[in-house]
Amino acid sequence: MRRLYVETSFGDISYLHREGRYPLVFLHGLGGSGNNFMKLEPLLNPHFELFMVDMLGHGKSGKIMPDYTVRTQCLMLSEFLSVVGIGKKKFGLIGNSYGGWVSLRFSISYGNPEFLVLIDSAGVNPTVGESGRENMENFIEKLMRVNHNNDRNIMTRITEQNSSGEEKIKPEELSSITSHTAIIWGEHDAIISKKYGIIINDHISGSKFFSIKDGGHTPHSSNPVEVSCIIDEFIFNNY
């Protein structure tokens, strides 16, 4: 895969790219980057064009914004899709955790992708910021240990800005999603309970739920073969 950059009004957006015919756009979790999906690349059908995006404030993308709310990430994504030529095409959107939250909000408020794949998605569950200052600070410390390149101020800002509840997805909003939707969940996710995945599944018409028996919060990393097979079968065999 090649690392590329596009210029947007939100700053430069970095992404990993693989040529193909049908575009799949990947959004990582908080404190992560597009690299988090790299284990899927050699396993996914070569027909897919891959865009593994570093969201604002993450990886090698711009870190110049005054806010990094879910709404701002959606606006960035909308512009990114237009700049790279996906804007008017059919595509699949795949998001993990915070990236799943952005994917949900994008699908509800900015236009449904043809396919939506949510991997242990945030958005409906209580946010870290809602659990109190101490828990939030412990969470940020964990983000810094996992990836030393994270900017502590930005991680704190994101956590605080998304803690009010205003950005959260209301279950009744999910019914407006018309994308073909797959929900993948690690059975041993210690960060977001599987029950929130079931809530999402119950409110999106026609969605399909897949459990990864030995998976945690990032099954695309721990169980890439299983996750890639689900994506291949769900998208490649249905468009």
Protein backbone atom coordinates (compact mmCIF):
# COMPACT_ATOMS: atom_id res chain seq x y z
CA MET A 1 0.00 0.00 0.00
CA ARG A 2 1.08 3.59 -0.62
CA ARG A 3 0.80 6.48 1.80
CA LEU A 4 -0.83 9.45 0.14
CA TYR A 5 -2.04 12.87 1.22
CA VAL A 6 -4.88 15.11 0.10
CA GLU A 7 -5.31 18.75 0.91
CA THR A 8 -8.62 19.74 2.50
CA SER A 9 -9.98 22.78 4.32
CA PHE A 10 -9.25 20.83 7.51
CA GLY A 11 -5.57 20.42 6.66
CA ASP A 12 -3.75 17.57 4.96
CA ILE A 13 -5.38 14.17 5.35
CA SER A 14 -3.08 11.15 5.24
CA TYR A 15 -4.23 7.71 4.13
CA LEU A 16 -2.97 4.34 3.01
CA HIS A 17 -4.17 3.38 -0.45
CA ARG A 18 -4.45 0.24 -2.54
CA GLU A 19 -5.71 0.29 -6.11
CA GLY A 20 -8.89 -1.57 -6.92
CA ARG A 21 -12.37 -1.19 -8.39
CA TYR A 22 -14.83 -0.89 -5.52
CA PRO A 23 -13.81 1.63 -2.82
CA LEU A 24 -13.77 0.75 0.87
CA VAL A 25 -12.99 3.53 3.36
CA PHE A 26 -11.70 2.58 6.82
CA LEU A 27 -11.93 4.74 9.96
CA HIS A 28 -9.91 3.77 13.05
CA GLY A 29 -10.57 4.13 16.76
CA LEU A 30 -9.56 6.97 19.06
CA GLY A 31 -5.79 7.25 19.33
CA GLY A 32 -5.25 4.97 16.35
CA SER A 33 -4.52 5.45 12.66
CA GLY A 34 -5.23 3.89 9.29
CA ASN A 35 -2.35 1.50 10.00
CA ASN A 36 -4.60 -0.32 12.46
CA PHE A 37 -6.29 -2.07 9.52
CA MET A 38 -3.11 -3.18 7.76
CA LYS A 39 -3.56 -6.86 8.66
CA LEU A 40 -6.70 -6.91 6.53
CA GLU A 41 -5.01 -5.65 3.37
CA PRO A 42 -3.46 -8.91 2.10
CA LEU A 43 -6.60 -10.84 3.00
CA LEU A 44 -9.28 -8.69 1.36
CA ASN A 45 -10.39 -9.41 -2.20
CA PRO A 46 -8.09 -7.58 -4.66
CA HIS A 47 -11.22 -6.19 -6.34
CA PHE A 48 -11.53 -3.70 -3.44
CA GLU A 49 -9.86 -0.30 -3.57
CA LEU A 50 -8.74 0.49 -0.02
CA PHE A 51 -8.55 3.86 1.73
CA MET A 52 -7.28 3.55 5.32
CA VAL A 53 -7.65 7.09 6.62
CA ASP A 54 -5.86 8.86 9.47
CA MET A 55 -8.65 10.96 10.94
CA LEU A 56 -8.13 14.53 12.08
CA GLY A 57 -5.75 14.79 15.02
CA HIS A 58 -4.40 11.28 14.39
CA GLY A 59 -1.50 9.64 12.64
CA LYS A 60 0.02 11.79 9.92
CA SER A 61 -3.12 13.87 9.26
CA GLY A 62 -3.58 17.51 10.21
CA LYS A 63 -3.55 18.53 13.86
CA ILE A 64 -4.57 22.15 13.47
CA MET A 65 -8.30 22.14 14.26
CA PRO A 66 -9.88 23.93 17.22
CA ASP A 67 -12.24 21.01 17.67
CA TYR A 68 -12.29 17.33 16.81
CA THR A 69 -15.94 16.49 17.36
CA VAL A 70 -17.66 13.64 15.57
CA ARG A 71 -19.41 16.25 13.44
CA THR A 72 -16.08 17.77 12.38
CA GLN A 73 -14.70 14.34 11.48
CA CYS A 74 -17.82 13.77 9.34
CA LEU A 75 -17.32 17.06 7.52
CA MET A 76 -13.69 16.11 6.89
CA LEU A 77 -14.79 12.70 5.59
CA SER A 78 -17.31 14.25 3.24
CA GLU A 79 -14.65 16.53 1.78
CA PHE A 80 -12.10 13.70 1.63
CA LEU A 81 -14.49 11.51 -0.36
CA SER A 82 -15.08 14.32 -2.82
CA VAL A 83 -11.38 15.10 -3.26
CA VAL A 84 -10.35 11.48 -3.90
CA GLY A 85 -13.21 10.96 -6.35
CA ILE A 86 -15.54 8.77 -4.29
CA GLY A 87 -18.15 11.42 -3.56
CA LYS A 88 -20.58 10.37 -6.30
CA LYS A 89 -19.63 6.69 -6.37
CA LYS A 90 -20.99 3.76 -4.45
CA PHE A 91 -18.63 2.75 -1.64
CA GLY A 92 -18.32 0.89 1.62
CA LEU A 93 -17.57 2.60 4.95
CA ILE A 94 -15.90 0.55 7.68
CA GLY A 95 -15.37 1.98 11.16
CA ASN A 96 -14.01 0.67 14.44
CA SER A 97 -14.89 2.17 17.84
CA TYR A 98 -14.61 5.99 17.50
CA GLY A 99 -14.37 5.45 13.74
CA GLY A 100 -17.62 3.50 13.94
CA TRP A 101 -19.22 6.42 15.75
CA VAL A 102 -18.13 8.75 12.96
CA SER A 103 -19.38 6.23 10.40
CA LEU A 104 -22.78 6.07 12.06
CA ARG A 105 -23.16 9.84 12.26
CA PHE A 106 -21.97 10.21 8.67
CA SER A 107 -24.49 7.61 7.49
CA ILE A 108 -27.34 9.28 9.37
CA SER A 109 -26.59 12.92 8.63
CA TYR A 110 -24.41 13.15 5.52
CA GLY A 111 -25.55 10.40 3.17
CA ASN A 112 -25.75 6.66 3.36
CA PRO A 113 -22.86 4.66 1.88
CA GLU A 114 -23.90 1.57 -0.04
CA PHE A 115 -22.33 -0.64 2.63
CA LEU A 116 -21.65 0.09 6.29
CA VAL A 117 -19.49 -2.20 8.43
CA LEU A 118 -19.27 -1.39 12.14
CA ILE A 119 -16.55 -3.09 14.18
CA ASP A 120 -17.13 -2.78 17.95
CA SER A 121 -18.59 0.64 17.27
CA ALA A 122 -18.92 3.50 19.73
CA GLY A 123 -21.71 6.04 19.44
CA VAL A 124 -24.56 4.53 21.42
CA ASN A 125 -22.67 3.49 24.56
CA PRO A 126 -21.81 5.89 27.44
CA THR A 127 -18.68 7.89 26.59
CA VAL A 128 -15.49 7.81 28.63
CA GLY A 129 -15.96 11.48 29.45
CA GLU A 130 -19.33 10.72 31.03
CA SER A 131 -17.72 8.33 33.52
CA GLY A 132 -15.84 11.03 35.44
CA ARG A 133 -12.56 12.89 35.27
CA GLU A 134 -10.45 10.13 36.83
CA ASN A 135 -11.64 7.50 34.37
CA MET A 136 -11.10 9.90 31.49
CA GLU A 137 -7.53 10.64 32.56
CA ASN A 138 -6.80 6.93 32.97
CA PHE A 139 -8.17 6.32 29.49
CA ILE A 140 -5.97 9.04 28.00
CA GLU A 141 -2.92 7.58 29.74
CA LYS A 142 -3.73 4.26 28.09
CA LEU A 143 -3.98 5.95 24.68
CA MET A 144 -0.55 7.49 25.22
CA ARG A 145 0.98 4.13 26.18
CA VAL A 146 -0.52 2.37 23.18
CA ASN A 147 0.71 5.00 20.73
CA HIS A 148 3.47 7.38 21.88
CA ASN A 149 2.89 9.52 18.80
CA ASN A 150 -0.53 10.60 20.04
CA ASP A 151 -0.84 14.24 21.06
CA ARG A 152 -2.05 14.29 24.68
CA ASN A 153 -3.79 17.65 24.29
CA ILE A 154 -5.69 16.46 21.24
CA MET A 155 -6.68 13.15 22.85
CA THR A 156 -7.94 15.09 25.87
CA ARG A 157 -9.80 17.56 23.69
CA ILE A 158 -11.51 14.81 21.70
CA THR A 159 -12.55 12.98 24.85
CA GLU A 160 -13.89 16.15 26.46
CA GLN A 161 -15.66 17.42 23.36
CA ASN A 162 -17.45 14.12 22.83
CA SER A 163 -18.44 13.69 26.49
CA SER A 164 -21.46 15.99 26.62
CA GLY A 165 -23.81 13.48 25.03
CA GLU A 166 -24.73 15.88 22.23
CA GLU A 167 -22.70 13.88 19.70
CA LYS A 168 -24.08 10.50 20.73
CA ILE A 169 -26.29 8.48 18.44
CA LYS A 170 -29.88 8.09 19.61
CA PRO A 171 -31.20 4.58 18.94
CA GLU A 172 -34.18 5.99 17.04
CA GLU A 173 -31.80 7.77 14.63
CA LEU A 174 -30.44 4.43 13.50
CA SER A 175 -33.65 3.61 11.69
CA SER A 176 -32.80 6.22 9.03
CA ILE A 177 -29.76 4.21 7.89
CA THR A 178 -30.50 2.47 4.59
CA SER A 179 -27.00 1.12 3.94
CA HIS A 180 -26.48 -2.63 3.81
CA THR A 181 -25.08 -2.92 7.33
CA ALA A 182 -22.88 -5.53 9.01
CA ILE A 183 -22.03 -5.30 12.71
CA ILE A 184 -18.94 -7.18 13.86
CA TRP A 185 -18.23 -7.56 17.58
CA GLY A 186 -15.50 -9.22 19.60
CA GLU A 187 -17.06 -11.45 22.25
CA HIS A 188 -14.40 -10.34 24.75
CA ASP A 189 -14.59 -6.60 24.13
CA ALA A 190 -13.74 -5.08 27.52
CA ILE A 191 -14.23 -1.48 26.30
CA ILE A 192 -17.69 -1.48 24.69
CA SER A 193 -20.12 -4.19 25.72
CA LYS A 194 -21.62 -6.39 23.03
CA LYS A 195 -25.07 -5.29 24.22
CA TYR A 196 -24.54 -1.95 22.46
CA GLY A 197 -23.82 -3.77 19.24
CA ILE A 198 -27.10 -5.62 19.66
CA ILE A 199 -28.92 -2.30 20.20
CA ILE A 200 -27.43 -0.98 16.96
CA ASN A 201 -28.37 -4.17 15.13
CA ASP A 202 -31.93 -4.04 16.46
CA HIS A 203 -32.48 -0.51 15.15
CA ILE A 204 -30.96 -0.74 11.65
CA SER A 205 -33.33 -2.44 9.26
CA GLY A 206 -31.90 -5.58 7.66
CA SER A 207 -28.53 -5.37 9.43
CA LYS A 208 -26.54 -8.52 10.16
CA PHE A 209 -24.65 -9.22 13.38
CA PHE A 210 -21.41 -11.22 13.49
CA SER A 211 -19.68 -12.30 16.69
CA ILE A 212 -15.94 -12.97 16.81
CA LYS A 213 -15.61 -15.67 19.45
CA ASP A 214 -12.05 -14.91 20.56
CA GLY A 215 -12.04 -11.23 19.59
CA GLY A 216 -11.63 -8.14 21.72
CA HIS A 217 -12.23 -4.48 20.90
CA THR A 218 -10.18 -4.59 17.68
CA PRO A 219 -10.92 -7.97 16.06
CA HIS A 220 -9.57 -6.71 12.72
CA SER A 221 -6.17 -6.82 14.44
CA SER A 222 -6.55 -9.93 16.59
CA ASN A 223 -8.70 -11.94 14.18
CA PRO A 224 -8.00 -10.51 10.72
CA VAL A 225 -8.85 -13.68 8.80
CA GLU A 226 -12.34 -13.87 10.28
CA VAL A 227 -13.02 -10.16 9.84
CA SER A 228 -11.74 -10.09 6.25
CA CYS A 229 -13.90 -13.10 5.38
CA ILE A 230 -16.99 -11.34 6.77
CA ILE A 231 -16.22 -8.18 4.80
CA ASP A 232 -15.51 -10.13 1.60
CA GLU A 233 -18.67 -12.21 1.82
CA PHE A 234 -20.91 -9.36 2.97
CA ILE A 235 -19.79 -6.78 0.40
CA PHE A 236 -18.24 -8.63 -2.54
CA ASN A 237 -21.11 -11.07 -2.80
CA ASN A 238 -23.84 -8.44 -2.46
CA TYR A 239 -23.10 -5.53 -4.76
